Amino acid sequence: MFFAMTVAGFAAGADTGAIEAKEKAAWQAFKDKKADDFKKLVDQDFRGVYAEGVSTLQTESDDMKKWDMKSFAISDFKAFSDEPDVIVTTYVVKIEGTYDGKDHSGTMNCGTVWKKEKDAWLAIFHTNVLQQAAATK
């Protein structure tokens, strides 16, 4: 039953490819420092949770200016939903770049929550964490 509800949620909302395109567009706008394009994809009440703290749309916009992102590559993209107006994505992103002049290249595990507002899907929550090598016993 859950699987059927998930499929129905995508049929009524957006497909995985469309949400993945939005995710990539948000990263591209951030990389290119196009704040206006980024804001078209992110809800005004957005929250991000990172090791450095909790972020708002304004914090993200301010941080965008401090990044010099050379490249990013998204892989292992997955999306799921059991609601017609909410989609959760998980994926891996490999970034090459600097933040405030310091190297912040790495591979991160990421998650975003997208909510349908009127006719547009907007990111309302995002988090990412740097991948760590698995501990050996």
N, C-alpha and C. Protein backbone atom coordinates (compact mmCIF):
# COMPACT_ATOMS: atom_id res chain seq x y z
N MET A 1 0.82 -1.19 0.00
CA MET A 1 0.00 0.00 0.00
C MET A 1 0.87 1.26 0.00
N PHE A 2 1.94 1.29 0.82
CA PHE A 2 2.81 2.46 0.86
C PHE A 2 3.41 2.74 -0.51
N PHE A 3 3.88 1.68 -1.20
CA PHE A 3 4.46 1.86 -2.53
C PHE A 3 3.44 2.48 -3.48
N ALA A 4 2.21 2.02 -3.43
CA ALA A 4 1.16 2.56 -4.30
C ALA A 4 0.90 4.02 -3.98
N MET A 5 0.92 4.39 -2.70
CA MET A 5 0.72 5.79 -2.33
C MET A 5 1.88 6.65 -2.81
N THR A 6 3.10 6.13 -2.76
CA THR A 6 4.25 6.87 -3.23
C THR A 6 4.15 7.13 -4.72
N VAL A 7 3.81 6.12 -5.48
CA VAL A 7 3.65 6.29 -6.92
C VAL A 7 2.54 7.28 -7.22
N ALA A 8 1.42 7.19 -6.50
CA ALA A 8 0.31 8.12 -6.71
C ALA A 8 0.74 9.55 -6.39
N GLY A 9 1.56 9.71 -5.35
CA GLY A 9 2.05 11.04 -5.00
C GLY A 9 2.86 11.66 -6.13
N PHE A 10 3.69 10.85 -6.77
CA PHE A 10 4.47 11.37 -7.89
C PHE A 10 3.59 11.65 -9.09
N ALA A 11 2.60 10.81 -9.33
CA ALA A 11 1.72 11.02 -10.47
C ALA A 11 0.96 12.33 -10.33
N ALA A 12 0.58 12.69 -9.10
CA ALA A 12 -0.18 13.92 -8.87
C ALA A 12 0.73 15.14 -8.77
N GLY A 13 2.01 14.95 -8.51
CA GLY A 13 2.90 16.08 -8.26
C GLY A 13 3.95 16.24 -9.34
N ALA A 14 5.13 15.78 -9.04
CA ALA A 14 6.25 15.91 -9.97
C ALA A 14 6.98 14.59 -10.04
N ASP A 15 7.59 14.32 -11.19
CA ASP A 15 8.35 13.09 -11.29
C ASP A 15 9.77 13.31 -10.80
N THR A 16 10.47 12.20 -10.60
CA THR A 16 11.83 12.27 -10.07
C THR A 16 12.73 13.13 -10.96
N GLY A 17 12.60 12.97 -12.27
CA GLY A 17 13.43 13.75 -13.19
C GLY A 17 13.21 15.25 -13.05
N ALA A 18 11.97 15.67 -12.87
CA ALA A 18 11.67 17.09 -12.73
C ALA A 18 12.24 17.65 -11.43
N ILE A 19 12.13 16.88 -10.36
CA ILE A 19 12.67 17.34 -9.08
C ILE A 19 14.20 17.34 -9.12
N GLU A 20 14.79 16.33 -9.77
CA GLU A 20 16.25 16.32 -9.90
C GLU A 20 16.72 17.53 -10.69
N ALA A 21 15.99 17.91 -11.73
CA ALA A 21 16.34 19.10 -12.52
C ALA A 21 16.28 20.35 -11.66
N LYS A 22 15.29 20.44 -10.78
CA LYS A 22 15.18 21.60 -9.88
C LYS A 22 16.35 21.61 -8.89
N GLU A 23 16.71 20.44 -8.38
CA GLU A 23 17.84 20.34 -7.45
C GLU A 23 19.12 20.83 -8.13
N LYS A 24 19.36 20.35 -9.35
CA LYS A 24 20.54 20.77 -10.10
C LYS A 24 20.50 22.27 -10.41
N ALA A 25 19.32 22.78 -10.73
CA ALA A 25 19.18 24.21 -11.02
C ALA A 25 19.52 25.05 -9.79
N ALA A 26 19.11 24.59 -8.61
CA ALA A 26 19.43 25.32 -7.38
C ALA A 26 20.94 25.34 -7.14
N TRP A 27 21.58 24.18 -7.32
CA TRP A 27 23.05 24.12 -7.17
C TRP A 27 23.73 25.01 -8.20
N GLN A 28 23.25 24.98 -9.44
CA GLN A 28 23.87 25.77 -10.51
C GLN A 28 23.72 27.27 -10.22
N ALA A 29 22.54 27.69 -9.78
CA ALA A 29 22.32 29.10 -9.44
C ALA A 29 23.25 29.52 -8.30
N PHE A 30 23.40 28.64 -7.30
CA PHE A 30 24.31 28.94 -6.19
C PHE A 30 25.74 29.04 -6.68
N LYS A 31 26.16 28.07 -7.49
CA LYS A 31 27.53 28.06 -8.03
C LYS A 31 27.81 29.32 -8.84
N ASP A 32 26.83 29.72 -9.66
CA ASP A 32 26.99 30.88 -10.53
C ASP A 32 26.71 32.20 -9.83
N LYS A 33 26.37 32.13 -8.54
CA LYS A 33 26.07 33.30 -7.72
C LYS A 33 24.92 34.13 -8.30
N LYS A 34 23.90 33.41 -8.78
CA LYS A 34 22.71 34.05 -9.32
C LYS A 34 21.61 33.98 -8.25
N ALA A 35 21.67 34.92 -7.33
CA ALA A 35 20.76 34.91 -6.19
C ALA A 35 19.30 34.96 -6.62
N ASP A 36 18.98 35.72 -7.63
CA ASP A 36 17.58 35.81 -8.07
C ASP A 36 17.07 34.47 -8.59
N ASP A 37 17.90 33.75 -9.36
CA ASP A 37 17.52 32.42 -9.85
C ASP A 37 17.37 31.44 -8.69
N PHE A 38 18.29 31.54 -7.72
CA PHE A 38 18.24 30.67 -6.55
C PHE A 38 16.95 30.89 -5.76
N LYS A 39 16.58 32.15 -5.57
CA LYS A 39 15.38 32.49 -4.79
C LYS A 39 14.09 32.02 -5.47
N LYS A 40 14.12 31.79 -6.77
CA LYS A 40 12.94 31.27 -7.48
C LYS A 40 12.71 29.80 -7.16
N LEU A 41 13.72 29.12 -6.61
CA LEU A 41 13.65 27.69 -6.33
C LEU A 41 13.54 27.38 -4.84
N VAL A 42 13.70 28.39 -4.01
CA VAL A 42 13.76 28.19 -2.56
C VAL A 42 12.68 29.03 -1.88
N ASP A 43 11.95 28.42 -0.97
CA ASP A 43 10.90 29.11 -0.24
C ASP A 43 11.48 30.21 0.65
N GLN A 44 10.72 31.28 0.83
CA GLN A 44 11.19 32.39 1.66
C GLN A 44 11.42 31.99 3.11
N ASP A 45 10.75 30.92 3.56
CA ASP A 45 10.92 30.43 4.93
C ASP A 45 11.88 29.24 5.02
N PHE A 46 12.73 29.08 4.02
CA PHE A 46 13.70 27.99 3.93
C PHE A 46 14.55 27.89 5.20
N ARG A 47 14.91 26.65 5.53
CA ARG A 47 15.88 26.38 6.59
C ARG A 47 16.87 25.34 6.09
N GLY A 48 18.13 25.55 6.43
CA GLY A 48 19.19 24.59 6.15
C GLY A 48 19.86 24.22 7.46
N VAL A 49 20.27 22.97 7.58
CA VAL A 49 20.96 22.53 8.80
C VAL A 49 22.31 21.97 8.38
N TYR A 50 23.34 22.57 8.93
CA TYR A 50 24.72 22.21 8.60
C TYR A 50 25.55 22.14 9.88
N ALA A 51 26.76 21.64 9.78
CA ALA A 51 27.64 21.56 10.95
C ALA A 51 27.86 22.95 11.56
N GLU A 52 27.85 23.97 10.70
CA GLU A 52 28.11 25.34 11.15
C GLU A 52 26.91 25.97 11.83
N GLY A 53 25.72 25.40 11.63
CA GLY A 53 24.52 25.95 12.26
C GLY A 53 23.31 25.90 11.35
N VAL A 54 22.26 26.58 11.77
CA VAL A 54 21.01 26.63 11.03
C VAL A 54 21.03 27.86 10.12
N SER A 55 20.58 27.66 8.89
CA SER A 55 20.65 28.69 7.87
C SER A 55 19.25 29.10 7.41
N THR A 56 19.10 30.34 6.99
CA THR A 56 17.87 30.84 6.38
C THR A 56 18.16 31.18 4.92
N LEU A 57 17.16 31.60 4.20
CA LEU A 57 17.37 32.02 2.82
C LEU A 57 18.37 33.18 2.76
N GLN A 58 18.29 34.09 3.71
CA GLN A 58 19.23 35.21 3.73
C GLN A 58 20.65 34.73 3.99
N THR A 59 20.82 33.79 4.92
CA THR A 59 22.15 33.24 5.21
C THR A 59 22.71 32.57 3.96
N GLU A 60 21.87 31.80 3.26
CA GLU A 60 22.32 31.13 2.03
C GLU A 60 22.77 32.16 1.01
N SER A 61 22.00 33.23 0.85
CA SER A 61 22.35 34.27 -0.11
C SER A 61 23.67 34.94 0.26
N ASP A 62 23.88 35.19 1.55
CA ASP A 62 25.13 35.79 2.01
C ASP A 62 26.30 34.84 1.79
N ASP A 63 26.10 33.54 2.08
CA ASP A 63 27.16 32.55 1.90
C ASP A 63 27.52 32.36 0.43
N MET A 64 26.55 32.53 -0.44
CA MET A 64 26.78 32.38 -1.88
C MET A 64 27.92 33.29 -2.34
N LYS A 65 28.00 34.48 -1.77
CA LYS A 65 29.03 35.45 -2.14
C LYS A 65 30.42 35.00 -1.71
N LYS A 66 30.51 34.16 -0.68
CA LYS A 66 31.79 33.71 -0.15
C LYS A 66 32.32 32.45 -0.83
N TRP A 67 31.46 31.81 -1.63
CA TRP A 67 31.85 30.58 -2.32
C TRP A 67 32.48 30.88 -3.66
N ASP A 68 33.50 30.11 -3.99
CA ASP A 68 34.04 30.06 -5.35
C ASP A 68 33.97 28.59 -5.74
N MET A 69 32.79 28.17 -6.18
CA MET A 69 32.56 26.77 -6.51
C MET A 69 32.99 26.54 -7.96
N LYS A 70 33.98 25.70 -8.14
CA LYS A 70 34.49 25.38 -9.48
C LYS A 70 33.57 24.39 -10.18
N SER A 71 33.10 23.38 -9.44
CA SER A 71 32.23 22.36 -10.04
C SER A 71 31.46 21.63 -8.95
N PHE A 72 30.37 21.00 -9.41
CA PHE A 72 29.61 20.10 -8.54
C PHE A 72 29.05 19.00 -9.43
N ALA A 73 28.90 17.82 -8.86
CA ALA A 73 28.32 16.69 -9.59
C ALA A 73 27.42 15.92 -8.65
N ILE A 74 26.15 15.78 -9.04
CA ILE A 74 25.17 15.06 -8.24
C ILE A 74 25.08 13.62 -8.72
N SER A 75 25.04 12.68 -7.78
CA SER A 75 24.88 11.27 -8.11
C SER A 75 23.97 10.60 -7.08
N ASP A 76 23.60 9.36 -7.35
CA ASP A 76 22.79 8.56 -6.44
C ASP A 76 21.50 9.28 -6.03
N PHE A 77 20.90 10.01 -6.96
CA PHE A 77 19.70 10.79 -6.67
C PHE A 77 18.49 9.89 -6.49
N LYS A 78 17.77 10.12 -5.39
CA LYS A 78 16.53 9.39 -5.11
C LYS A 78 15.51 10.39 -4.60
N ALA A 79 14.24 10.14 -4.92
CA ALA A 79 13.16 10.99 -4.44
C ALA A 79 12.01 10.10 -4.00
N PHE A 80 11.33 10.51 -2.94
CA PHE A 80 10.16 9.76 -2.51
C PHE A 80 9.14 10.71 -1.90
N SER A 81 7.90 10.23 -1.85
CA SER A 81 6.83 11.02 -1.28
C SER A 81 5.66 10.13 -0.93
N ASP A 82 4.94 10.50 0.11
CA ASP A 82 3.66 9.88 0.39
C ASP A 82 2.59 10.97 0.53
N GLU A 83 2.93 12.16 0.09
CA GLU A 83 2.02 13.30 0.10
C GLU A 83 2.05 13.93 -1.30
N PRO A 84 0.94 14.44 -1.79
CA PRO A 84 0.94 15.02 -3.14
C PRO A 84 1.69 16.34 -3.26
N ASP A 85 1.98 17.01 -2.13
CA ASP A 85 2.62 18.32 -2.21
C ASP A 85 3.98 18.39 -1.51
N VAL A 86 4.57 17.23 -1.18
CA VAL A 86 5.89 17.19 -0.53
C VAL A 86 6.71 16.07 -1.16
N ILE A 87 7.96 16.38 -1.47
CA ILE A 87 8.90 15.39 -1.98
C ILE A 87 10.21 15.52 -1.21
N VAL A 88 10.77 14.39 -0.81
CA VAL A 88 12.05 14.35 -0.13
C VAL A 88 13.07 13.76 -1.08
N THR A 89 14.22 14.42 -1.21
CA THR A 89 15.28 13.89 -2.06
C THR A 89 16.51 13.58 -1.22
N THR A 90 17.24 12.57 -1.65
CA THR A 90 18.55 12.26 -1.07
C THR A 90 19.49 12.03 -2.23
N TYR A 91 20.75 12.42 -2.05
CA TYR A 91 21.73 12.26 -3.11
C TYR A 91 23.12 12.53 -2.56
N VAL A 92 24.10 12.32 -3.41
CA VAL A 92 25.50 12.61 -3.09
C VAL A 92 25.94 13.72 -4.04
N VAL A 93 26.69 14.68 -3.52
CA VAL A 93 27.23 15.74 -4.38
C VAL A 93 28.73 15.86 -4.12
N LYS A 94 29.47 15.90 -5.21
CA LYS A 94 30.92 16.11 -5.12
C LYS A 94 31.18 17.55 -5.54
N ILE A 95 31.82 18.29 -4.67
CA ILE A 95 32.07 19.72 -4.90
C ILE A 95 33.57 19.98 -4.96
N GLU A 96 33.94 20.86 -5.86
CA GLU A 96 35.30 21.40 -5.88
C GLU A 96 35.18 22.90 -5.76
N GLY A 97 35.80 23.47 -4.72
CA GLY A 97 35.73 24.90 -4.56
C GLY A 97 36.24 25.36 -3.21
N THR A 98 36.17 26.68 -3.05
CA THR A 98 36.62 27.28 -1.80
C THR A 98 35.48 28.11 -1.19
N TYR A 99 35.52 28.22 0.13
CA TYR A 99 34.60 29.07 0.86
C TYR A 99 35.45 30.01 1.70
N ASP A 100 35.26 31.29 1.49
CA ASP A 100 36.02 32.30 2.23
C ASP A 100 37.53 32.07 2.08
N GLY A 101 37.93 31.63 0.87
CA GLY A 101 39.34 31.43 0.57
C GLY A 101 39.94 30.11 1.02
N LYS A 102 39.15 29.27 1.70
CA LYS A 102 39.65 27.98 2.18
C LYS A 102 39.01 26.85 1.39
N ASP A 103 39.81 25.83 1.10
CA ASP A 103 39.32 24.68 0.33
C ASP A 103 38.17 23.99 1.07
N HIS A 104 37.05 23.84 0.37
CA HIS A 104 35.90 23.13 0.90
C HIS A 104 35.44 22.04 -0.06
N SER A 105 36.40 21.54 -0.84
CA SER A 105 36.10 20.46 -1.77
C SER A 105 35.79 19.20 -0.97
N GLY A 106 34.92 18.36 -1.54
CA GLY A 106 34.62 17.11 -0.87
C GLY A 106 33.36 16.48 -1.42
N THR A 107 33.04 15.34 -0.87
CA THR A 107 31.84 14.60 -1.25
C THR A 107 30.90 14.60 -0.07
N MET A 108 29.66 15.01 -0.33
CA MET A 108 28.68 15.16 0.76
C MET A 108 27.43 14.34 0.51
N ASN A 109 26.85 13.85 1.58
CA ASN A 109 25.53 13.24 1.55
C ASN A 109 24.54 14.38 1.79
N CYS A 110 23.50 14.44 0.95
CA CYS A 110 22.57 15.57 1.00
C CYS A 110 21.13 15.11 1.07
N GLY A 111 20.29 15.99 1.57
CA GLY A 111 18.86 15.77 1.58
C GLY A 111 18.14 17.10 1.45
N THR A 112 17.06 17.12 0.68
CA THR A 112 16.25 18.32 0.51
C THR A 112 14.78 17.95 0.59
N VAL A 113 13.99 18.81 1.19
CA VAL A 113 12.54 18.66 1.20
C VAL A 113 11.97 19.74 0.30
N TRP A 114 11.16 19.30 -0.67
CA TRP A 114 10.49 20.20 -1.62
C TRP A 114 9.00 20.22 -1.32
N LYS A 115 8.40 21.40 -1.37
CA LYS A 115 6.95 21.54 -1.13
C LYS A 115 6.34 22.28 -2.31
N LYS A 116 5.20 21.79 -2.73
CA LYS A 116 4.50 22.45 -3.83
C LYS A 116 3.71 23.63 -3.27
N GLU A 117 4.04 24.82 -3.72
CA GLU A 117 3.37 26.06 -3.34
C GLU A 117 2.71 26.61 -4.59
N LYS A 118 1.39 26.60 -4.60
CA LYS A 118 0.61 26.95 -5.80
C LYS A 118 1.03 26.01 -6.91
N ASP A 119 1.68 26.48 -7.96
CA ASP A 119 2.09 25.60 -9.05
C ASP A 119 3.59 25.36 -9.10
N ALA A 120 4.31 25.80 -8.08
CA ALA A 120 5.77 25.70 -8.11
C ALA A 120 6.29 24.82 -6.97
N TRP A 121 7.29 24.00 -7.28
CA TRP A 121 7.99 23.22 -6.26
C TRP A 121 9.12 24.08 -5.72
N LEU A 122 9.15 24.28 -4.39
CA LEU A 122 10.18 25.09 -3.74
C LEU A 122 10.87 24.28 -2.65
N ALA A 123 12.18 24.46 -2.53
CA ALA A 123 12.93 23.81 -1.46
C ALA A 123 12.59 24.51 -0.15
N ILE A 124 12.20 23.73 0.86
CA ILE A 124 11.89 24.31 2.16
C ILE A 124 12.92 23.90 3.22
N PHE A 125 13.69 22.84 2.93
CA PHE A 125 14.69 22.35 3.89
C PHE A 125 15.81 21.67 3.13
N HIS A 126 17.04 21.88 3.58
CA HIS A 126 18.20 21.20 2.98
C HIS A 126 19.22 20.93 4.07
N THR A 127 19.92 19.83 3.91
CA THR A 127 21.05 19.53 4.78
C THR A 127 22.10 18.77 3.99
N ASN A 128 23.33 18.92 4.37
CA ASN A 128 24.39 18.09 3.81
C ASN A 128 25.48 17.90 4.86
N VAL A 129 26.15 16.74 4.72
CA VAL A 129 27.21 16.40 5.64
C VAL A 129 28.34 15.75 4.84
N LEU A 130 29.55 16.12 5.16
CA LEU A 130 30.73 15.59 4.50
C LEU A 130 30.83 14.09 4.76
N GLN A 131 31.03 13.31 3.69
CA GLN A 131 31.17 11.87 3.86
C GLN A 131 32.44 11.58 4.66
N GLN A 132 32.36 10.59 5.51
CA GLN A 132 33.49 10.14 6.32
C GLN A 132 33.79 8.69 5.93
N ALA A 133 35.03 8.30 6.07
CA ALA A 133 35.38 6.90 5.82
C ALA A 133 34.72 6.04 6.89
N ALA A 134 34.20 4.91 6.49
CA ALA A 134 33.55 4.00 7.45
C ALA A 134 34.58 3.51 8.47
N ALA A 135 34.15 3.46 9.70
CA ALA A 135 35.05 2.99 10.78
C ALA A 135 35.24 1.47 10.64
N THR A 136 36.44 1.04 10.85
CA THR A 136 36.72 -0.41 10.81
C THR A 136 36.87 -0.90 12.24
N LYS A 137 36.46 -2.13 12.45
CA LYS A 137 36.52 -2.70 13.80
C LYS A 137 37.83 -3.40 14.03
